[in-house]
Protein backbone atom coordinates (compact mmCIF):
# COMPACT_ATOMS: atom_id res chain seq x y z
CA MET A 1 -9.92 -175.85 68.35
CA THR A 2 -12.69 -176.40 65.88
CA ARG A 3 -12.50 -179.17 63.31
CA GLY A 4 -13.73 -179.33 59.78
CA ARG A 5 -15.81 -182.17 58.36
CA ASP A 6 -12.66 -183.98 57.26
CA GLY A 7 -11.35 -183.98 60.83
CA GLY A 8 -8.37 -181.69 60.04
CA ALA A 9 -7.50 -179.01 62.60
CA GLY A 10 -8.80 -175.60 61.47
CA ALA A 11 -10.02 -176.83 58.03
CA PRO A 12 -12.44 -174.26 56.51
CA PRO A 13 -16.04 -175.07 55.63
CA ALA A 14 -16.89 -175.93 52.00
CA LYS A 15 -18.14 -172.41 51.19
CA GLN A 16 -14.89 -170.88 52.45
CA ARG A 17 -12.83 -173.35 50.40
CA ALA A 18 -14.80 -172.41 47.29
CA LEU A 19 -14.26 -168.71 47.96
CA LEU A 20 -10.51 -169.22 48.42
CA ALA A 21 -10.36 -171.20 45.17
CA ALA A 22 -12.12 -168.39 43.30
CA VAL A 23 -9.72 -165.78 44.71
CA LEU A 24 -6.70 -167.89 43.74
CA ALA A 25 -8.08 -168.34 40.20
CA ALA A 26 -8.53 -164.58 39.84
CA ILE A 27 -4.94 -163.96 40.99
CA VAL A 28 -3.61 -166.49 38.45
CA ALA A 29 -5.67 -164.93 35.66
CA LEU A 30 -4.45 -161.42 36.53
CA SER A 31 -0.84 -162.60 36.63
CA ALA A 32 -1.23 -164.21 33.21
CA ALA A 33 -2.72 -161.03 31.77
CA LEU A 34 0.16 -158.97 33.18
CA TYR A 35 2.64 -161.43 31.70
CA VAL A 36 1.03 -161.26 28.26
CA GLY A 37 1.07 -157.47 28.38
CA VAL A 38 4.78 -157.47 29.16
CA ALA A 39 5.47 -160.07 26.47
CA ALA A 40 3.77 -157.89 23.88
CA ASP A 41 6.25 -155.04 24.53
CA ASP A 42 9.03 -155.12 21.95
CA GLY A 43 11.39 -153.25 24.23
CA THR A 44 10.97 -149.89 22.51
CA GLN A 45 8.58 -148.22 24.92
CA HIS A 46 11.29 -145.86 26.07
CA ARG A 47 11.27 -144.41 22.56
CA ASP A 48 7.49 -144.27 22.40
CA THR A 49 7.11 -141.75 25.20
CA LEU A 50 6.71 -138.52 23.26
CA ALA A 51 5.02 -135.24 24.20
CA GLY A 52 3.96 -134.84 27.81
CA GLY A 53 5.99 -137.76 29.12
CA HIS A 54 3.10 -140.24 28.80
CA ALA A 55 3.48 -143.69 27.30
CA PRO A 56 0.82 -144.71 24.76
CA ARG A 57 -2.03 -146.55 26.47
CA ASN A 58 -5.69 -147.39 26.20
CA PRO A 59 -7.08 -148.57 29.54
CA ALA A 60 -10.10 -150.14 27.82
CA ALA A 61 -8.03 -152.27 25.44
CA PRO A 62 -7.35 -155.84 26.60
CA ALA A 63 -3.82 -157.21 26.73
CA SER A 64 -2.82 -158.72 23.39
CA THR A 65 0.15 -160.59 21.99
CA GLY A 66 2.24 -159.55 19.02
CA THR A 67 5.01 -157.15 18.11
CA TRP A 68 4.68 -153.44 17.51
CA VAL A 69 6.09 -152.51 14.10
CA ALA A 70 5.78 -149.51 11.80
CA ALA A 71 3.27 -150.29 9.05
CA TRP A 72 3.71 -146.92 7.34
CA ALA A 73 5.86 -143.88 8.11
CA PRO A 74 6.74 -140.94 5.83
CA ALA A 75 9.38 -138.34 6.60
CA PRO A 76 8.09 -134.85 7.49
CA VAL A 77 9.62 -132.47 4.96
CA GLY A 78 8.60 -128.94 5.92
CA GLY A 79 5.74 -126.49 6.38
CA GLU A 80 3.02 -126.54 3.74
CA PRO A 81 3.05 -123.34 1.64
CA GLY A 82 -0.02 -121.17 2.19
CA THR A 83 -0.76 -122.51 5.68
CA GLU A 84 1.52 -120.18 7.61
CA THR A 85 -1.22 -118.28 9.46
CA THR A 86 -4.41 -120.32 9.66
CA GLY A 87 -3.16 -123.85 9.03
CA LEU A 88 -6.20 -126.02 8.26
CA ALA A 89 -8.48 -124.71 10.97
CA GLY A 90 -12.08 -125.89 10.74
CA ARG A 91 -11.30 -128.69 8.29
CA SER A 92 -11.04 -132.45 8.54
CA VAL A 93 -7.93 -133.92 6.94
CA ARG A 94 -8.29 -137.55 5.81
CA ASN A 95 -4.91 -139.07 4.96
CA VAL A 96 -4.91 -142.25 2.88
CA VAL A 97 -1.90 -144.43 3.79
CA HIS A 98 -0.81 -147.84 2.52
CA THR A 99 0.27 -150.52 4.98
CA SER A 100 3.22 -152.90 4.76
CA ALA A 101 2.08 -154.97 7.75
CA GLY A 102 -1.23 -156.00 9.24
CA GLY A 103 -2.18 -156.13 12.89
CA THR A 104 -4.84 -156.33 15.56
CA SER A 105 -4.26 -152.90 17.10
CA ALA A 106 -2.98 -149.57 15.84
CA ARG A 107 -1.54 -146.30 17.07
CA VAL A 108 -0.82 -143.08 15.20
CA THR A 109 1.86 -140.39 15.52
CA LEU A 110 0.93 -136.77 14.80
CA SER A 111 3.63 -134.16 14.16
CA ASN A 112 3.76 -130.38 14.52
CA LEU A 113 7.47 -130.30 13.74
CA TYR A 114 7.24 -127.30 11.43
CA GLY A 115 4.43 -125.52 13.27
CA GLN A 116 5.13 -122.16 14.86
CA SER A 117 2.32 -122.42 17.42
CA PRO A 118 0.61 -125.28 19.30
CA LEU A 119 -1.65 -127.52 17.22
CA THR A 120 -4.95 -128.44 18.87
CA ILE A 121 -6.55 -131.65 17.62
CA THR A 122 -10.02 -132.18 19.09
CA HIS A 123 -11.01 -135.21 17.01
CA ALA A 124 -9.03 -137.93 15.27
CA SER A 125 -9.87 -141.36 13.91
CA VAL A 126 -8.48 -144.39 12.12
CA ALA A 127 -10.38 -146.72 9.79
CA VAL A 128 -9.84 -149.26 7.03
CA ALA A 129 -10.47 -147.76 3.59
CA ALA A 130 -13.36 -149.26 1.65
CA GLY A 131 -11.48 -148.84 -1.62
CA PRO A 132 -10.06 -145.98 -3.62
CA GLY A 133 -11.49 -142.82 -2.10
CA PRO A 134 -12.35 -141.46 1.35
CA ALA A 135 -15.01 -144.01 2.41
CA ALA A 136 -14.37 -146.42 5.29
CA VAL A 137 -15.28 -150.07 5.67
CA THR A 138 -18.39 -150.24 7.85
CA GLY A 139 -17.61 -151.06 11.46
CA THR A 140 -13.88 -150.30 11.28
CA LEU A 141 -13.76 -146.62 12.23
CA ARG A 142 -12.21 -146.00 15.64
CA PRO A 143 -11.89 -142.64 17.41
CA LEU A 144 -8.37 -141.96 18.64
CA THR A 145 -7.48 -140.81 22.14
CA PHE A 146 -4.29 -139.43 23.61
CA THR A 147 -3.62 -140.58 27.18
CA GLY A 148 -7.36 -141.10 27.44
CA SER A 149 -8.50 -137.75 26.03
CA ARG A 150 -10.07 -137.03 22.64
CA THR A 151 -8.29 -133.65 22.56
CA VAL A 152 -4.55 -133.23 22.36
CA VAL A 153 -2.33 -130.17 22.01
CA VAL A 154 0.84 -130.81 20.02
CA PRO A 155 3.48 -128.23 20.89
CA ALA A 156 5.30 -126.37 18.13
CA GLY A 157 8.19 -128.56 17.06
CA GLY A 158 6.73 -131.60 18.82
CA GLN A 159 4.83 -134.80 18.15
CA VAL A 160 2.41 -137.07 20.02
CA MET A 161 1.47 -140.71 19.80
CA SER A 162 -2.11 -141.86 20.22
CA ASP A 163 -3.30 -144.57 22.55
CA ALA A 164 -3.56 -148.00 20.94
CA VAL A 165 -6.98 -148.97 19.60
CA ARG A 166 -8.25 -152.40 18.63
CA ILE A 167 -8.71 -152.55 14.86
CA THR A 168 -7.93 -155.24 12.30
CA VAL A 169 -5.47 -153.53 9.97
CA PRO A 170 -4.89 -155.36 6.68
CA HIS A 171 -1.48 -156.05 5.23
CA ASP A 172 -0.98 -154.31 1.87
CA GLY A 173 -4.16 -152.28 2.29
CA ASP A 174 -5.23 -148.65 2.67
CA VAL A 175 -6.02 -147.03 6.01
CA LEU A 176 -7.72 -143.68 6.62
CA ILE A 177 -6.24 -141.44 9.32
CA THR A 178 -8.34 -138.34 9.93
CA THR A 179 -7.72 -135.27 12.09
CA TYR A 180 -9.71 -132.15 12.90
CA SER A 181 -8.40 -128.90 14.37
CA PRO A 182 -10.83 -126.08 15.21
CA THR A 183 -8.19 -123.39 15.69
CA ALA A 184 -5.55 -121.70 13.57
CA SER A 185 -2.11 -123.28 13.70
CA GLY A 186 0.51 -123.14 11.02
CA PRO A 187 2.47 -123.97 9.04
CA VAL A 188 1.11 -127.48 8.55
CA THR A 189 3.77 -130.19 8.80
CA HIS A 190 3.49 -132.25 5.62
CA HIS A 191 5.06 -134.66 3.14
CA PRO A 192 4.43 -133.10 -0.29
CA ARG A 193 5.15 -135.95 -2.74
CA ALA A 194 2.89 -138.63 -1.37
CA ARG A 195 1.96 -140.25 -4.72
CA GLN A 196 -1.33 -140.97 -2.97
CA ILE A 197 -4.64 -139.09 -3.06
CA SER A 198 -5.86 -137.88 0.33
CA TYR A 199 -8.89 -135.72 1.15
CA VAL A 200 -10.14 -132.65 3.02
CA ALA A 201 -13.64 -131.75 4.22
CA GLU A 202 -15.05 -128.52 5.63
CA GLY A 203 -16.10 -128.98 9.26
CA GLN A 204 -15.69 -131.82 11.73
CA HIS A 205 -16.21 -135.13 9.92
CA THR A 206 -13.65 -137.46 11.50
CA GLY A 207 -16.44 -139.93 12.31
CA ASP A 208 -17.88 -140.01 8.79
CA THR A 209 -17.67 -143.37 7.01
CA THR A 210 -19.36 -142.48 3.72
CA GLY A 211 -16.66 -140.12 2.49
CA ALA A 212 -19.31 -137.78 1.07
CA PRO A 213 -18.09 -134.61 2.87
CA TYR A 214 -14.53 -135.10 1.56
CA THR A 215 -14.84 -133.16 -1.67
CA THR A 216 -11.31 -131.74 -1.87
CA GLN A 217 -8.43 -133.92 -3.02
CA SER A 218 -4.81 -133.54 -1.96
CA ARG A 219 -1.49 -135.12 -2.92
CA TYR A 220 0.02 -134.32 0.48
CA TRP A 221 0.18 -136.25 3.73
CA ARG A 222 -0.48 -133.84 6.58
CA TYR A 223 0.29 -134.07 10.32
CA VAL A 224 0.57 -137.88 10.35
CA THR A 225 4.10 -139.34 10.45
CA ALA A 226 3.57 -142.94 11.54
CA LEU A 227 1.06 -145.76 11.73
CA ASP A 228 2.19 -148.59 14.01
CA VAL A 229 0.40 -151.93 14.29
CA LEU A 230 0.52 -154.79 16.78
CA SER A 231 1.48 -157.53 14.36
CA ASN A 232 1.64 -161.30 14.48
CA ASP A 233 3.30 -161.63 11.07
CA SER A 234 6.17 -159.12 11.37
CA ASP A 235 9.05 -159.17 13.84
CA GLY A 236 10.44 -155.73 13.12
CA THR A 237 10.71 -152.77 10.76
CA LEU A 238 12.96 -152.17 7.76
CA VAL A 239 13.51 -148.50 6.85
CA ALA A 240 14.14 -147.45 3.25
CA PHE A 241 16.16 -144.24 3.61
CA GLY A 242 16.78 -142.08 0.57
CA ASP A 243 15.85 -139.26 -1.77
CA SER A 244 13.31 -138.91 -4.60
CA LEU A 245 14.35 -142.28 -5.98
CA THR A 246 13.03 -143.82 -2.75
CA ASP A 247 10.16 -141.33 -2.40
CA GLY A 248 8.96 -142.59 -5.80
CA VAL A 249 8.24 -139.21 -7.37
CA THR A 250 7.59 -140.51 -10.90
CA SER A 251 5.69 -143.66 -9.91
CA THR A 252 1.99 -143.88 -10.76
CA VAL A 253 -0.17 -142.09 -8.20
CA GLY A 254 -2.17 -144.52 -6.08
CA ALA A 255 -0.44 -147.62 -7.49
CA ASN A 256 1.96 -148.10 -4.54
CA ASN A 257 4.79 -148.98 -6.89
CA ARG A 258 7.68 -147.21 -5.19
CA TRP A 259 10.58 -149.64 -4.75
CA PRO A 260 9.99 -149.99 -0.97
CA ASP A 261 6.38 -151.03 -1.74
CA VAL A 262 7.58 -153.69 -4.16
CA LEU A 263 10.23 -154.83 -1.67
CA SER A 264 7.51 -155.30 0.96
CA ASP A 265 5.52 -157.42 -1.50
CA ARG A 266 8.61 -159.51 -2.27
CA LEU A 267 9.27 -160.20 1.40
CA ARG A 268 5.69 -161.31 1.97
CA ALA A 269 5.68 -163.54 -1.12
CA ALA A 270 8.96 -165.16 -0.06
CA LEU A 271 7.57 -165.91 3.39
CA ASP A 272 4.43 -167.39 1.86
CA ASP A 273 6.67 -169.65 -0.24
CA GLY A 274 8.45 -170.84 2.89
CA ARG A 275 11.75 -169.13 2.17
CA LYS A 276 13.99 -168.13 5.06
CA VAL A 277 13.76 -164.35 4.90
CA PRO A 278 13.21 -161.94 7.79
CA ARG A 279 9.64 -161.04 8.75
CA LEU A 280 9.87 -157.27 8.35
CA SER A 281 7.50 -154.45 7.57
CA VAL A 282 8.94 -151.83 5.19
CA VAL A 283 8.52 -148.07 5.61
CA ASN A 284 9.56 -145.38 3.15
CA GLU A 285 11.60 -142.51 4.59
CA GLY A 286 12.53 -140.97 1.26
CA ILE A 287 12.55 -137.19 0.74
CA SER A 288 12.78 -135.70 -2.73
CA GLY A 289 15.96 -133.68 -3.14
CA ASN A 290 17.54 -135.11 0.01
CA ARG A 291 21.30 -135.05 0.42
CA VAL A 292 23.68 -136.90 2.70
CA LEU A 293 25.57 -133.82 3.86
CA THR A 294 23.56 -130.63 3.34
CA ASP A 295 20.38 -129.35 5.01
CA GLY A 296 17.69 -127.39 3.25
CA LEU A 297 16.78 -123.88 4.36
CA GLY A 298 14.83 -122.84 7.44
CA ARG A 299 14.91 -123.58 11.16
CA PRO A 300 14.26 -126.37 11.75
CA PRO A 301 15.61 -127.05 8.28
CA GLU A 302 13.14 -128.16 5.66
CA ASN A 303 14.46 -131.24 3.88
CA PRO A 304 17.14 -131.91 6.52
CA SER A 305 20.24 -133.82 5.44
CA GLY A 306 20.50 -137.57 5.82
CA LEU A 307 22.98 -137.07 8.65
CA ASN A 308 20.61 -134.66 10.40
CA ARG A 309 17.43 -136.73 10.13
CA PHE A 310 18.80 -140.26 10.54
CA GLY A 311 17.92 -140.39 14.23
CA ARG A 312 14.38 -139.11 13.66
CA ASP A 313 13.52 -141.09 10.53
CA VAL A 314 15.41 -144.33 11.15
CA LEU A 315 16.55 -144.90 14.73
CA ASP A 316 13.30 -143.59 16.23
CA ARG A 317 11.04 -145.78 14.09
CA THR A 318 9.26 -148.51 16.00
CA ASN A 319 11.28 -151.72 16.39
CA VAL A 320 13.63 -150.97 13.50
CA ARG A 321 15.85 -153.93 12.57
CA ALA A 322 17.47 -153.02 9.24
CA VAL A 323 18.09 -150.07 6.91
CA VAL A 324 18.51 -149.74 3.14
CA VAL A 325 20.32 -146.49 2.23
CA ASP A 326 20.05 -144.96 -1.26
CA LEU A 327 21.53 -141.47 -0.97
CA GLY A 328 24.22 -139.44 -2.69
CA VAL A 329 22.95 -138.48 -6.15
CA ASN A 330 21.73 -135.05 -4.99
CA ASP A 331 25.06 -134.35 -3.27
CA ILE A 332 26.55 -134.69 -6.76
CA LEU A 333 23.83 -132.97 -8.81
CA ARG A 334 23.27 -130.02 -6.47
CA HIS A 335 26.93 -129.22 -5.93
CA PRO A 336 28.17 -126.25 -7.99
CA GLY A 337 31.00 -128.44 -9.25
CA ALA A 338 30.61 -132.16 -8.82
CA GLY A 339 30.88 -132.81 -5.10
CA ASP A 340 33.68 -134.42 -3.11
CA PRO A 341 33.36 -138.22 -3.25
CA ASP A 342 35.39 -138.65 -0.07
CA ARG A 343 33.08 -136.34 1.88
CA ILE A 344 29.99 -138.08 0.55
CA LEU A 345 31.43 -141.49 1.39
CA GLY A 346 32.39 -140.19 4.82
CA GLY A 347 28.77 -139.15 5.39
CA LEU A 348 27.50 -142.57 4.31
CA ARG A 349 29.95 -144.29 6.66
CA ALA A 350 28.79 -142.05 9.50
CA LEU A 351 25.21 -143.27 8.91
CA VAL A 352 26.42 -146.86 9.04
CA ASP A 353 28.31 -146.23 12.28
CA ARG A 354 25.19 -144.83 13.92
CA ALA A 355 23.14 -147.80 12.75
CA HIS A 356 25.77 -150.26 13.98
CA ALA A 357 25.73 -148.59 17.39
CA ARG A 358 22.15 -149.86 17.61
CA GLY A 359 22.92 -153.27 16.14
CA LEU A 360 21.17 -152.51 12.83
CA LYS A 361 22.24 -154.06 9.55
CA VAL A 362 22.73 -151.60 6.68
CA VAL A 363 22.35 -152.42 3.00
CA GLY A 364 23.63 -149.68 0.70
CA ALA A 365 22.62 -148.97 -2.88
CA THR A 366 24.92 -147.97 -5.71
CA LEU A 367 24.05 -144.64 -7.33
CA MET A 368 22.09 -145.03 -10.54
CA PRO A 369 23.10 -143.34 -13.80
CA PHE A 370 21.69 -139.99 -14.88
CA GLY A 371 23.25 -139.47 -18.29
CA GLY A 372 21.01 -137.30 -20.48
CA HIS A 373 19.72 -135.38 -17.46
CA ARG A 374 20.33 -131.63 -17.60
CA GLY A 375 22.68 -131.86 -14.61
CA HIS A 376 24.92 -134.54 -16.03
CA THR A 377 28.57 -133.68 -16.65
CA ASP A 378 31.71 -135.76 -17.08
CA ALA A 379 32.98 -134.52 -13.71
CA ARG A 380 29.80 -135.60 -11.95
CA GLU A 381 29.89 -138.96 -13.69
CA ALA A 382 33.41 -139.49 -12.40
CA VAL A 383 32.29 -138.77 -8.82
CA ARG A 384 29.39 -141.23 -9.18
CA GLN A 385 31.70 -143.93 -10.49
CA ARG A 386 34.18 -143.35 -7.66
CA ILE A 387 31.44 -143.65 -5.02
CA ASN A 388 30.00 -146.78 -6.64
CA ALA A 389 33.41 -148.45 -6.79
CA GLU A 390 33.89 -147.88 -3.07
CA ILE A 391 30.38 -149.15 -2.24
CA ARG A 392 30.94 -152.31 -4.31
CA SER A 393 34.26 -152.91 -2.54
CA GLY A 394 32.38 -153.66 0.68
CA ARG A 395 34.12 -150.90 2.62
CA VAL A 396 30.99 -148.79 3.20
CA PHE A 397 27.94 -150.97 3.91
CA ASP A 398 27.25 -154.45 5.29
CA ALA A 399 25.77 -155.51 1.94
CA VAL A 400 25.14 -153.95 -1.46
CA ALA A 401 22.04 -153.54 -3.63
CA ASP A 402 23.48 -152.77 -7.05
CA PHE A 403 20.74 -150.51 -8.43
CA ASP A 404 23.19 -149.06 -10.96
CA LYS A 405 23.95 -152.43 -12.52
CA ALA A 406 20.27 -153.43 -12.51
CA LEU A 407 18.95 -150.32 -14.30
CA ARG A 408 21.75 -149.00 -16.50
CA ASP A 409 21.63 -149.27 -20.27
CA PRO A 410 24.06 -152.03 -21.30
CA TYR A 411 24.82 -150.07 -24.50
CA ASP A 412 25.41 -146.77 -22.65
CA PRO A 413 26.09 -147.41 -18.94
CA ARG A 414 26.01 -143.70 -18.16
CA ARG A 415 22.25 -143.74 -18.82
CA LEU A 416 19.21 -145.60 -17.54
CA ARG A 417 17.95 -148.36 -19.77
CA PRO A 418 15.07 -146.75 -21.75
CA VAL A 419 12.41 -149.14 -20.42
CA TYR A 420 13.39 -148.18 -16.87
CA ASP A 421 13.54 -144.42 -17.54
CA SER A 422 10.55 -142.21 -16.63
CA GLY A 423 11.68 -139.81 -19.36
CA ASP A 424 13.69 -137.32 -17.30
CA HIS A 425 16.81 -139.55 -17.38
CA LEU A 426 17.08 -139.50 -13.58
CA HIS A 427 13.95 -141.07 -12.07
CA PRO A 428 12.76 -144.57 -12.92
CA SER A 429 9.50 -145.59 -14.54
CA ASP A 430 7.17 -147.98 -12.71
CA ARG A 431 9.08 -150.85 -14.31
CA GLY A 432 12.30 -149.25 -13.12
CA TYR A 433 11.10 -149.03 -9.52
CA THR A 434 10.06 -152.68 -9.66
CA ARG A 435 13.49 -153.61 -11.00
CA MET A 436 15.17 -151.76 -8.12
CA ALA A 437 13.29 -153.84 -5.56
CA GLN A 438 14.10 -157.03 -7.47
CA ALA A 439 17.80 -156.17 -7.43
CA LEU A 440 17.96 -156.37 -3.64
CA ASP A 441 18.90 -159.85 -2.43
CA LEU A 442 16.45 -160.64 0.39
CA ARG A 443 19.04 -162.84 2.08
CA THR A 444 21.17 -159.77 2.82
CA LEU A 445 18.46 -158.51 5.16
CA ARG A 446 18.98 -161.41 7.57
CA GLY A 447 20.94 -160.99 10.76
CA SER A 448 22.15 -157.83 12.45
CA ALA A 449 25.28 -155.81 12.98
CA PRO A 450 27.04 -156.08 16.34
CA ALA A 451 26.40 -153.13 18.63
CA ALA A 452 29.42 -150.93 19.22
CA LEU A 453 31.06 -151.44 22.61
């Protein structure tokens, strides 16, 4: 047998030992990278596999730590009127969205839920907004890919999630999500009451950072139904689930003063003050006119009921941990008589049961007064009072946000307090929306409900 310089049987020469050490170091580094990649998964990847059976990925992106949460996510409502035949072919759509969580990477979900033909997207991008308007911060624009390709075809009724891209997304900031489709495809899936100005340009301008081509303004969000971020300051997502009172239809456009926006600000401020509150992003899944029990028209239904859309808009959100439900007023107002309080309460309890089956905590809101509104009657007021009494009893939700008590006029409890009334005697003013968020006790968002066995 040969001997090495140290006299040991079969000992390798110095160069061989160095080579073996290098190989071992590479194996350790690779194992660590794989571990970090697994640690960054929040356990929801089975829900993130959408069209085509592919999980979101970006082979060029390095492994990173953090938790995937939803930073923004509106509910798709229906097909945009006037886009039934051509959609928005040949135009770039730049959606302006406001984040409730920051992160180091982002991914985007595109929806063709209400389309009647496949939607071809050949270019898409994400960037940090430079300020009010369509311009991007220099150096932040990232092209989006879908399982490695710049082009993706979203089937009618379907949705796709982009690969993750590295981008520093700010908390409480605006992000630009831009898409371009060269071919006709309609109707365009949209959220009509965005309370945010977005933009459209003729031609393919997804890579533009100046904003100059975007000469047409829009108050819709189109195609985009979620922005997720890989966050180090949020552990999960809270979903605000409701109707126009959650959608914020009378709040100031561009001010981000819907009550879920203010709630997000409160959570962040409490954390900064060292208070023990959950680290949650907040997304707004409100739809104007939404009801607990009844779908809108069409197939699939436009403005689907709370029971119908709960899986899509709550349970399928990324890493959801808690839900705040504010629904029921439209079941009263839109009923030819006054609505059946027991049926409405039964629908609310069904939502809670579905949330509990996933271990989610549910905070429920009392129904706010609408005296003075054209739809107000004594019979409808009686139904509202019956529902509120049951909610306050603790027999419906895990905790209660008493929006009614917070906003009603102490001199006429059937009405909103004037300072909180937008003027239509149903929807709050900006001060009213702020008061709604202040009425929710942040401590009630802690913990979770036990999963059903």
